Amino acid sequence: GPLSERRLMDVRLGELPAWLATCDLSPQGLLGGVRKAWSSYYDKYINVKRGGPAGISMLLAGYCLLSYGWNYQHIKCHRWRKYH
C-alpha cells in the first residue's frame, strides 16, 4: 500500500524519513495517535475473552518505572543523606 498508510513496523529503514514526513505532527494528530495506540493495547491485552493478569501487570510495571524515573533525582539525594 501507500507509504502513508503503513504502520511503523512495516516501514523499511530507508523509507523512514519519507514516512515521517507524511505523519501528522500537529497536537490533534499526536493525540489521535496516542488514542489509537491505547485502544490497540487495550484490545490486545485487556479486553480479551480468556485474558490473564498480563495486560494490567504490564501497565502497572510501566507506571512503576515511569514514577521511579520522575523521582530519581529526589531518591538519589536521599540515598547519600545521613540521619545522625
PDB file of N, CA and C in Angstrom:
ATOM      1  N   GLY A   1       0.802  -1.181   0.000  1.00  0.00           N
ATOM      2  CA  GLY A   1       0.000   0.000   0.000  1.00  0.00           C
ATOM      3  C   GLY A   1       0.853   1.256   0.000  1.00  0.00           C
ATOM      4  N   PRO A   2       0.190   2.383   0.019  1.00  0.00           N
ATOM      5  CA  PRO A   2       0.931   3.652   0.061  1.00  0.00           C
ATOM      6  C   PRO A   2       1.727   3.786   1.345  1.00  0.00           C
ATOM      7  N   LEU A   3       2.773   4.555   1.261  1.00  0.00           N
ATOM      8  CA  LEU A   3       3.686   4.710   2.395  1.00  0.00           C
ATOM      9  C   LEU A   3       2.999   5.356   3.587  1.00  0.00           C
ATOM     10  N   SER A   4       2.064   6.258   3.358  1.00  0.00           N
ATOM     11  CA  SER A   4       1.425   6.962   4.465  1.00  0.00           C
ATOM     12  C   SER A   4       0.475   6.067   5.257  1.00  0.00           C
ATOM     13  N   GLU A   5       0.013   4.954   4.684  1.00  0.00           N
ATOM     14  CA  GLU A   5      -0.921   4.066   5.368  1.00  0.00           C
ATOM     15  C   GLU A   5      -0.236   2.908   6.070  1.00  0.00           C
ATOM     16  N   ARG A   6       1.065   2.785   5.946  1.00  0.00           N
ATOM     17  CA  ARG A   6       1.793   1.692   6.588  1.00  0.00           C
ATOM     18  C   ARG A   6       2.020   1.989   8.057  1.00  0.00           C
ATOM     19  N   ARG A   7       2.123   0.913   8.844  1.00  0.00           N
ATOM     20  CA  ARG A   7       2.474   1.067  10.251  1.00  0.00           C
ATOM     21  C   ARG A   7       3.981   1.210  10.376  1.00  0.00           C
ATOM     22  N   LEU A   8       4.450   1.651  11.534  1.00  0.00           N
ATOM     23  CA  LEU A   8       5.878   1.889  11.752  1.00  0.00           C
ATOM     24  C   LEU A   8       6.693   0.614  11.583  1.00  0.00           C
ATOM     25  N   MET A   9       6.164  -0.503  12.049  1.00  0.00           N
ATOM     26  CA  MET A   9       6.913  -1.750  11.962  1.00  0.00           C
ATOM     27  C   MET A   9       6.994  -2.295  10.532  1.00  0.00           C
ATOM     28  N   ASP A  10       6.157  -1.790   9.623  1.00  0.00           N
ATOM     29  CA  ASP A  10       6.178  -2.240   8.231  1.00  0.00           C
ATOM     30  C   ASP A  10       7.039  -1.358   7.342  1.00  0.00           C
ATOM     31  N   VAL A  11       7.567  -0.273   7.860  1.00  0.00           N
ATOM     32  CA  VAL A  11       8.372   0.661   7.077  1.00  0.00           C
ATOM     33  C   VAL A  11       9.836   0.230   7.129  1.00  0.00           C
ATOM     34  N   ARG A  12      10.474   0.227   5.975  1.00  0.00           N
ATOM     35  CA  ARG A  12      11.901  -0.109   5.933  1.00  0.00           C
ATOM     36  C   ARG A  12      12.728   1.092   6.378  1.00  0.00           C
ATOM     37  N   LEU A  13      13.965   0.824   6.740  1.00  0.00           N
ATOM     38  CA  LEU A  13      14.817   1.871   7.294  1.00  0.00           C
ATOM     39  C   LEU A  13      15.062   2.997   6.297  1.00  0.00           C
ATOM     40  N   GLY A  14      15.221   2.672   5.026  1.00  0.00           N
ATOM     41  CA  GLY A  14      15.435   3.696   4.002  1.00  0.00           C
ATOM     42  C   GLY A  14      14.212   4.551   3.751  1.00  0.00           C
ATOM     43  N   GLU A  15      13.024   4.006   4.018  1.00  0.00           N
ATOM     44  CA  GLU A  15      11.779   4.734   3.799  1.00  0.00           C
ATOM     45  C   GLU A  15      11.351   5.543   5.013  1.00  0.00           C
ATOM     46  N   LEU A  16      12.081   5.444   6.117  1.00  0.00           N
ATOM     47  CA  LEU A  16      11.685   6.089   7.363  1.00  0.00           C
ATOM     48  C   LEU A  16      11.572   7.614   7.261  1.00  0.00           C
ATOM     49  N   PRO A  17      12.531   8.337   6.657  1.00  0.00           N
ATOM     50  CA  PRO A  17      12.355   9.800   6.568  1.00  0.00           C
ATOM     51  C   PRO A  17      11.124  10.206   5.762  1.00  0.00           C
ATOM     52  N   ALA A  18      10.858   9.494   4.669  1.00  0.00           N
ATOM     53  CA  ALA A  18       9.675   9.826   3.866  1.00  0.00           C
ATOM     54  C   ALA A  18       8.398   9.492   4.631  1.00  0.00           C
ATOM     55  N   TRP A  19       8.410   8.416   5.403  1.00  0.00           N
ATOM     56  CA  TRP A  19       7.230   8.043   6.198  1.00  0.00           C
ATOM     57  C   TRP A  19       6.982   9.073   7.295  1.00  0.00           C
ATOM     58  N   LEU A  20       8.060   9.549   7.940  1.00  0.00           N
ATOM     59  CA  LEU A  20       7.904  10.570   8.980  1.00  0.00           C
ATOM     60  C   LEU A  20       7.380  11.880   8.408  1.00  0.00           C
ATOM     61  N   ALA A  21       7.742  12.182   7.154  1.00  0.00           N
ATOM     62  CA  ALA A  21       7.265  13.411   6.526  1.00  0.00           C
ATOM     63  C   ALA A  21       5.763  13.351   6.249  1.00  0.00           C
ATOM     64  N   THR A  22       5.210  12.136   6.086  1.00  0.00           N
ATOM     65  CA  THR A  22       3.780  12.013   5.821  1.00  0.00           C
ATOM     66  C   THR A  22       2.951  11.977   7.101  1.00  0.00           C
ATOM     67  N   CYS A  23       3.579  11.878   8.268  1.00  0.00           N
ATOM     68  CA  CYS A  23       2.836  11.796   9.528  1.00  0.00           C
ATOM     69  C   CYS A  23       2.281  13.164   9.919  1.00  0.00           C
ATOM     70  N   ASP A  24       1.141  13.135  10.594  1.00  0.00           N
ATOM     71  CA  ASP A  24       0.516  14.359  11.103  1.00  0.00           C
ATOM     72  C   ASP A  24       1.098  14.650  12.484  1.00  0.00           C
ATOM     73  N   LEU A  25       1.934  15.683  12.587  1.00  0.00           N
ATOM     74  CA  LEU A  25       2.601  16.004  13.838  1.00  0.00           C
ATOM     75  C   LEU A  25       1.958  17.175  14.575  1.00  0.00           C
ATOM     76  N   SER A  26       0.716  17.505  14.221  1.00  0.00           N
ATOM     77  CA  SER A  26       0.003  18.545  14.951  1.00  0.00           C
ATOM     78  C   SER A  26      -0.453  17.974  16.294  1.00  0.00           C
ATOM     79  N   PRO A  27      -0.810  18.827  17.243  1.00  0.00           N
ATOM     80  CA  PRO A  27      -1.277  18.305  18.539  1.00  0.00           C
ATOM     81  C   PRO A  27      -2.487  17.378  18.403  1.00  0.00           C
ATOM     82  N   GLN A  28      -3.384  17.700  17.493  1.00  0.00           N
ATOM     83  CA  GLN A  28      -4.555  16.848  17.298  1.00  0.00           C
ATOM     84  C   GLN A  28      -4.143  15.507  16.677  1.00  0.00           C
ATOM     85  N   GLY A  29      -3.189  15.528  15.753  1.00  0.00           N
ATOM     86  CA  GLY A  29      -2.705  14.286  15.156  1.00  0.00           C
ATOM     87  C   GLY A  29      -1.971  13.417  16.158  1.00  0.00           C
ATOM     88  N   LEU A  30      -1.170  14.042  17.034  1.00  0.00           N
ATOM     89  CA  LEU A  30      -0.464  13.278  18.068  1.00  0.00           C
ATOM     90  C   LEU A  30      -1.449  12.685  19.069  1.00  0.00           C
ATOM     91  N   LEU A  31      -2.479  13.440  19.418  1.00  0.00           N
ATOM     92  CA  LEU A  31      -3.500  12.931  20.327  1.00  0.00           C
ATOM     93  C   LEU A  31      -4.249  11.754  19.706  1.00  0.00           C
ATOM     94  N   GLY A  32      -4.516  11.842  18.417  1.00  0.00           N
ATOM     95  CA  GLY A  32      -5.156  10.729  17.718  1.00  0.00           C
ATOM     96  C   GLY A  32      -4.263   9.497  17.694  1.00  0.00           C
ATOM     97  N   GLY A  33      -2.958   9.689  17.540  1.00  0.00           N
ATOM     98  CA  GLY A  33      -2.024   8.560  17.566  1.00  0.00           C
ATOM     99  C   GLY A  33      -1.954   7.898  18.924  1.00  0.00           C
ATOM    100  N   VAL A  34      -1.960   8.710  19.979  1.00  0.00           N
ATOM    101  CA  VAL A  34      -1.954   8.158  21.336  1.00  0.00           C
ATOM    102  C   VAL A  34      -3.249   7.404  21.602  1.00  0.00           C
ATOM    103  N   ARG A  35      -4.367   7.957  21.151  1.00  0.00           N
ATOM    104  CA  ARG A  35      -5.665   7.297  21.334  1.00  0.00           C
ATOM    105  C   ARG A  35      -5.706   5.967  20.583  1.00  0.00           C
ATOM    106  N   LYS A  36      -5.157   5.937  19.379  1.00  0.00           N
ATOM    107  CA  LYS A  36      -5.133   4.699  18.589  1.00  0.00           C
ATOM    108  C   LYS A  36      -4.224   3.663  19.238  1.00  0.00           C
ATOM    109  N   ALA A  37      -3.081   4.095  19.754  1.00  0.00           N
ATOM    110  CA  ALA A  37      -2.168   3.162  20.425  1.00  0.00           C
ATOM    111  C   ALA A  37      -2.801   2.600  21.684  1.00  0.00           C
ATOM    112  N   TRP A  38      -3.497   3.446  22.464  1.00  0.00           N
ATOM    113  CA  TRP A  38      -4.140   2.963  23.686  1.00  0.00           C
ATOM    114  C   TRP A  38      -5.248   1.970  23.355  1.00  0.00           C
ATOM    115  N   SER A  39      -6.042   2.255  22.333  1.00  0.00           N
ATOM    116  CA  SER A  39      -7.131   1.339  22.006  1.00  0.00           C
ATOM    117  C   SER A  39      -6.592   0.009  21.490  1.00  0.00           C
ATOM    118  N   SER A  40      -5.508   0.017  20.736  1.00  0.00           N
ATOM    119  CA  SER A  40      -4.937  -1.254  20.273  1.00  0.00           C
ATOM    120  C   SER A  40      -4.330  -2.026  21.441  1.00  0.00           C
ATOM    121  N   TYR A  41      -3.674  -1.342  22.376  1.00  0.00           N
ATOM    122  CA  TYR A  41      -3.143  -2.011  23.570  1.00  0.00           C
ATOM    123  C   TYR A  41      -4.278  -2.599  24.393  1.00  0.00           C
ATOM    124  N   TYR A  42      -5.331  -1.837  24.570  1.00  0.00           N
ATOM    125  CA  TYR A  42      -6.474  -2.288  25.363  1.00  0.00           C
ATOM    126  C   TYR A  42      -7.123  -3.508  24.721  1.00  0.00           C
ATOM    127  N   ASP A  43      -7.304  -3.477  23.398  1.00  0.00           N
ATOM    128  CA  ASP A  43      -7.916  -4.609  22.712  1.00  0.00           C
ATOM    129  C   ASP A  43      -7.034  -5.848  22.724  1.00  0.00           C
ATOM    130  N   LYS A  44      -5.726  -5.655  22.695  1.00  0.00           N
ATOM    131  CA  LYS A  44      -4.821  -6.804  22.621  1.00  0.00           C
ATOM    132  C   LYS A  44      -4.586  -7.456  23.980  1.00  0.00           C
ATOM    133  N   TYR A  45      -4.449  -6.674  25.041  1.00  0.00           N
ATOM    134  CA  TYR A  45      -4.041  -7.230  26.324  1.00  0.00           C
ATOM    135  C   TYR A  45      -5.122  -7.224  27.412  1.00  0.00           C
ATOM    136  N   ILE A  46      -6.059  -6.314  27.389  1.00  0.00           N
ATOM    137  CA  ILE A  46      -7.004  -6.189  28.493  1.00  0.00           C
ATOM    138  C   ILE A  46      -8.400  -6.681  28.103  1.00  0.00           C
ATOM    139  N   ASN A  47      -8.889  -6.301  26.954  1.00  0.00           N
ATOM    140  CA  ASN A  47     -10.243  -6.638  26.537  1.00  0.00           C
ATOM    141  C   ASN A  47     -10.231  -7.935  25.716  1.00  0.00           C
ATOM    142  N   VAL A  48      -9.896  -9.050  26.339  1.00  0.00           N
ATOM    143  CA  VAL A  48      -9.849 -10.342  25.657  1.00  0.00           C
ATOM    144  C   VAL A  48     -10.758 -11.318  26.397  1.00  0.00           C
ATOM    145  N   LYS A  49     -11.179 -12.388  25.698  1.00  0.00           N
ATOM    146  CA  LYS A  49     -12.086 -13.358  26.319  1.00  0.00           C
ATOM    147  C   LYS A  49     -11.391 -14.172  27.398  1.00  0.00           C
ATOM    148  N   ARG A  50     -10.228 -14.691  27.092  1.00  0.00           N
ATOM    149  CA  ARG A  50      -9.507 -15.522  28.059  1.00  0.00           C
ATOM    150  C   ARG A  50      -8.211 -14.831  28.453  1.00  0.00           C
ATOM    151  N   GLY A  51      -8.312 -13.696  29.012  1.00  0.00           N
ATOM    152  CA  GLY A  51      -7.136 -12.942  29.388  1.00  0.00           C
ATOM    153  C   GLY A  51      -6.675 -13.254  30.795  1.00  0.00           C
ATOM    154  N   GLY A  52      -5.444 -13.026  31.032  1.00  0.00           N
ATOM    155  CA  GLY A  52      -4.892 -13.181  32.364  1.00  0.00           C
ATOM    156  C   GLY A  52      -4.498 -11.829  32.912  1.00  0.00           C
ATOM    157  N   PRO A  53      -3.680 -11.842  33.921  1.00  0.00           N
ATOM    158  CA  PRO A  53      -3.263 -10.569  34.524  1.00  0.00           C
ATOM    159  C   PRO A  53      -2.114  -9.886  33.775  1.00  0.00           C
ATOM    160  N   ALA A  54      -1.742 -10.382  32.593  1.00  0.00           N
ATOM    161  CA  ALA A  54      -0.573  -9.839  31.889  1.00  0.00           C
ATOM    162  C   ALA A  54      -0.754  -8.381  31.489  1.00  0.00           C
ATOM    163  N   GLY A  55      -1.914  -8.027  30.937  1.00  0.00           N
ATOM    164  CA  GLY A  55      -2.106  -6.655  30.464  1.00  0.00           C
ATOM    165  C   GLY A  55      -2.062  -5.640  31.582  1.00  0.00           C
ATOM    166  N   ILE A  56      -2.745  -5.920  32.665  1.00  0.00           N
ATOM    167  CA  ILE A  56      -2.775  -4.974  33.781  1.00  0.00           C
ATOM    168  C   ILE A  56      -1.425  -4.942  34.489  1.00  0.00           C
ATOM    169  N   SER A  57      -0.743  -6.100  34.588  1.00  0.00           N
ATOM    170  CA  SER A  57       0.567  -6.097  35.236  1.00  0.00           C
ATOM    171  C   SER A  57       1.589  -5.336  34.399  1.00  0.00           C
ATOM    172  N   MET A  58       1.490  -5.402  33.064  1.00  0.00           N
ATOM    173  CA  MET A  58       2.376  -4.601  32.221  1.00  0.00           C
ATOM    174  C   MET A  58       2.114  -3.116  32.423  1.00  0.00           C
ATOM    175  N   LEU A  59       0.854  -2.755  32.558  1.00  0.00           N
ATOM    176  CA  LEU A  59       0.502  -1.361  32.784  1.00  0.00           C
ATOM    177  C   LEU A  59       1.034  -0.878  34.128  1.00  0.00           C
ATOM    178  N   LEU A  60       0.900  -1.689  35.171  1.00  0.00           N
ATOM    179  CA  LEU A  60       1.418  -1.312  36.489  1.00  0.00           C
ATOM    180  C   LEU A  60       2.940  -1.249  36.507  1.00  0.00           C
ATOM    181  N   ALA A  61       3.592  -2.179  35.815  1.00  0.00           N
ATOM    182  CA  ALA A  61       5.056  -2.138  35.743  1.00  0.00           C
ATOM    183  C   ALA A  61       5.532  -0.885  35.015  1.00  0.00           C
ATOM    184  N   GLY A  62       4.853  -0.513  33.956  1.00  0.00           N
ATOM    185  CA  GLY A  62       5.196   0.721  33.249  1.00  0.00           C
ATOM    186  C   GLY A  62       5.009   1.945  34.124  1.00  0.00           C
ATOM    187  N   TYR A  63       3.933   1.957  34.917  1.00  0.00           N
ATOM    188  CA  TYR A  63       3.704   3.073  35.833  1.00  0.00           C
ATOM    189  C   TYR A  63       4.804   3.143  36.887  1.00  0.00           C
ATOM    190  N   CYS A  64       5.226   1.986  37.420  1.00  0.00           N
ATOM    191  CA  CYS A  64       6.289   1.977  38.433  1.00  0.00           C
ATOM    192  C   CYS A  64       7.596   2.507  37.856  1.00  0.00           C
ATOM    193  N   LEU A  65       7.940   2.077  36.648  1.00  0.00           N
ATOM    194  CA  LEU A  65       9.172   2.563  36.019  1.00  0.00           C
ATOM    195  C   LEU A  65       9.095   4.058  35.731  1.00  0.00           C
ATOM    196  N   LEU A  66       7.946   4.511  35.267  1.00  0.00           N
ATOM    197  CA  LEU A  66       7.783   5.931  34.970  1.00  0.00           C
ATOM    198  C   LEU A  66       7.868   6.777  36.237  1.00  0.00           C
ATOM    199  N   SER A  67       7.238   6.341  37.314  1.00  0.00           N
ATOM    200  CA  SER A  67       7.288   7.124  38.554  1.00  0.00           C
ATOM    201  C   SER A  67       8.689   7.097  39.161  1.00  0.00           C
ATOM    202  N   TYR A  68       9.401   5.973  39.032  1.00  0.00           N
ATOM    203  CA  TYR A  68      10.781   5.934  39.510  1.00  0.00           C
ATOM    204  C   TYR A  68      11.652   6.897  38.712  1.00  0.00           C
ATOM    205  N   GLY A  69      11.431   6.949  37.405  1.00  0.00           N
ATOM    206  CA  GLY A  69      12.191   7.883  36.573  1.00  0.00           C
ATOM    207  C   GLY A  69      11.910   9.327  36.936  1.00  0.00           C
ATOM    208  N   TRP A  70      10.649   9.635  37.263  1.00  0.00           N
ATOM    209  CA  TRP A  70      10.304  11.006  37.651  1.00  0.00           C
ATOM    210  C   TRP A  70      10.944  11.385  38.984  1.00  0.00           C
ATOM    211  N   ASN A  71      11.045  10.441  39.918  1.00  0.00           N
ATOM    212  CA  ASN A  71      11.545  10.733  41.260  1.00  0.00           C
ATOM    213  C   ASN A  71      13.005  10.358  41.453  1.00  0.00           C
ATOM    214  N   TYR A  72      13.734  10.056  40.396  1.00  0.00           N
ATOM    215  CA  TYR A  72      15.093   9.548  40.545  1.00  0.00           C
ATOM    216  C   TYR A  72      16.014  10.558  41.220  1.00  0.00           C
ATOM    217  N   GLN A  73      15.943  11.815  40.839  1.00  0.00           N
ATOM    218  CA  GLN A  73      16.826  12.828  41.444  1.00  0.00           C
ATOM    219  C   GLN A  73      16.560  12.953  42.941  1.00  0.00           C
ATOM    220  N   HIS A  74      15.298  12.913  43.321  1.00  0.00           N
ATOM    221  CA  HIS A  74      14.939  13.012  44.732  1.00  0.00           C
ATOM    222  C   HIS A  74      15.428  11.788  45.503  1.00  0.00           C
ATOM    223  N   ILE A  75      15.284  10.611  44.921  1.00  0.00           N
ATOM    224  CA  ILE A  75      15.726   9.373  45.567  1.00  0.00           C
ATOM    225  C   ILE A  75      17.247   9.353  45.678  1.00  0.00           C
ATOM    226  N   LYS A  76      17.929   9.838  44.642  1.00  0.00           N
ATOM    227  CA  LYS A  76      19.392   9.843  44.643  1.00  0.00           C
ATOM    228  C   LYS A  76      19.934  10.760  45.732  1.00  0.00           C
ATOM    229  N   CYS A  77      19.280  11.896  45.956  1.00  0.00           N
ATOM    230  CA  CYS A  77      19.737  12.807  47.009  1.00  0.00           C
ATOM    231  C   CYS A  77      19.503  12.220  48.393  1.00  0.00           C
ATOM    232  N   HIS A  78      18.425  11.503  48.576  1.00  0.00           N
ATOM    233  CA  HIS A  78      18.135  10.890  49.874  1.00  0.00           C
ATOM    234  C   HIS A  78      19.096   9.752  50.195  1.00  0.00           C
ATOM    235  N   ARG A  79      19.635   9.130  49.189  1.00  0.00           N
ATOM    236  CA  ARG A  79      20.485   7.986  49.406  1.00  0.00           C
ATOM    237  C   ARG A  79      21.758   8.365  50.158  1.00  0.00           C
ATOM    238  N   TRP A  80      22.309   9.544  49.881  1.00  0.00           N
ATOM    239  CA  TRP A  80      23.584   9.952  50.484  1.00  0.00           C
ATOM    240  C   TRP A  80      23.402  10.751  51.780  1.00  0.00           C
ATOM    241  N   ARG A  81      22.172  11.055  52.164  1.00  0.00           N
ATOM    242  CA  ARG A  81      21.925  11.859  53.349  1.00  0.00           C
ATOM    243  C   ARG A  81      22.082  11.009  54.603  1.00  0.00           C
ATOM    244  N   LYS A  82      22.748  11.562  55.607  1.00  0.00           N
ATOM    245  CA  LYS A  82      22.917  10.853  56.881  1.00  0.00           C
ATOM    246  C   LYS A  82      21.921  11.410  57.885  1.00  0.00           C
ATOM    247  N   TYR A  83      21.365  10.536  58.687  1.00  0.00           N
ATOM    248  CA  TYR A  83      20.329  10.927  59.634  1.00  0.00           C
ATOM    249  C   TYR A  83      20.824  10.943  61.084  1.00  0.00           C
ATOM    250  N   HIS A  84      22.092  11.044  61.301  1.00  0.00           N
ATOM    251  CA  HIS A  84      22.603  11.098  62.672  1.00  0.00           C
ATOM    252  C   HIS A  84      23.612  12.214  62.822  1.00  0.00           C
TER     253      HIS A  84
END
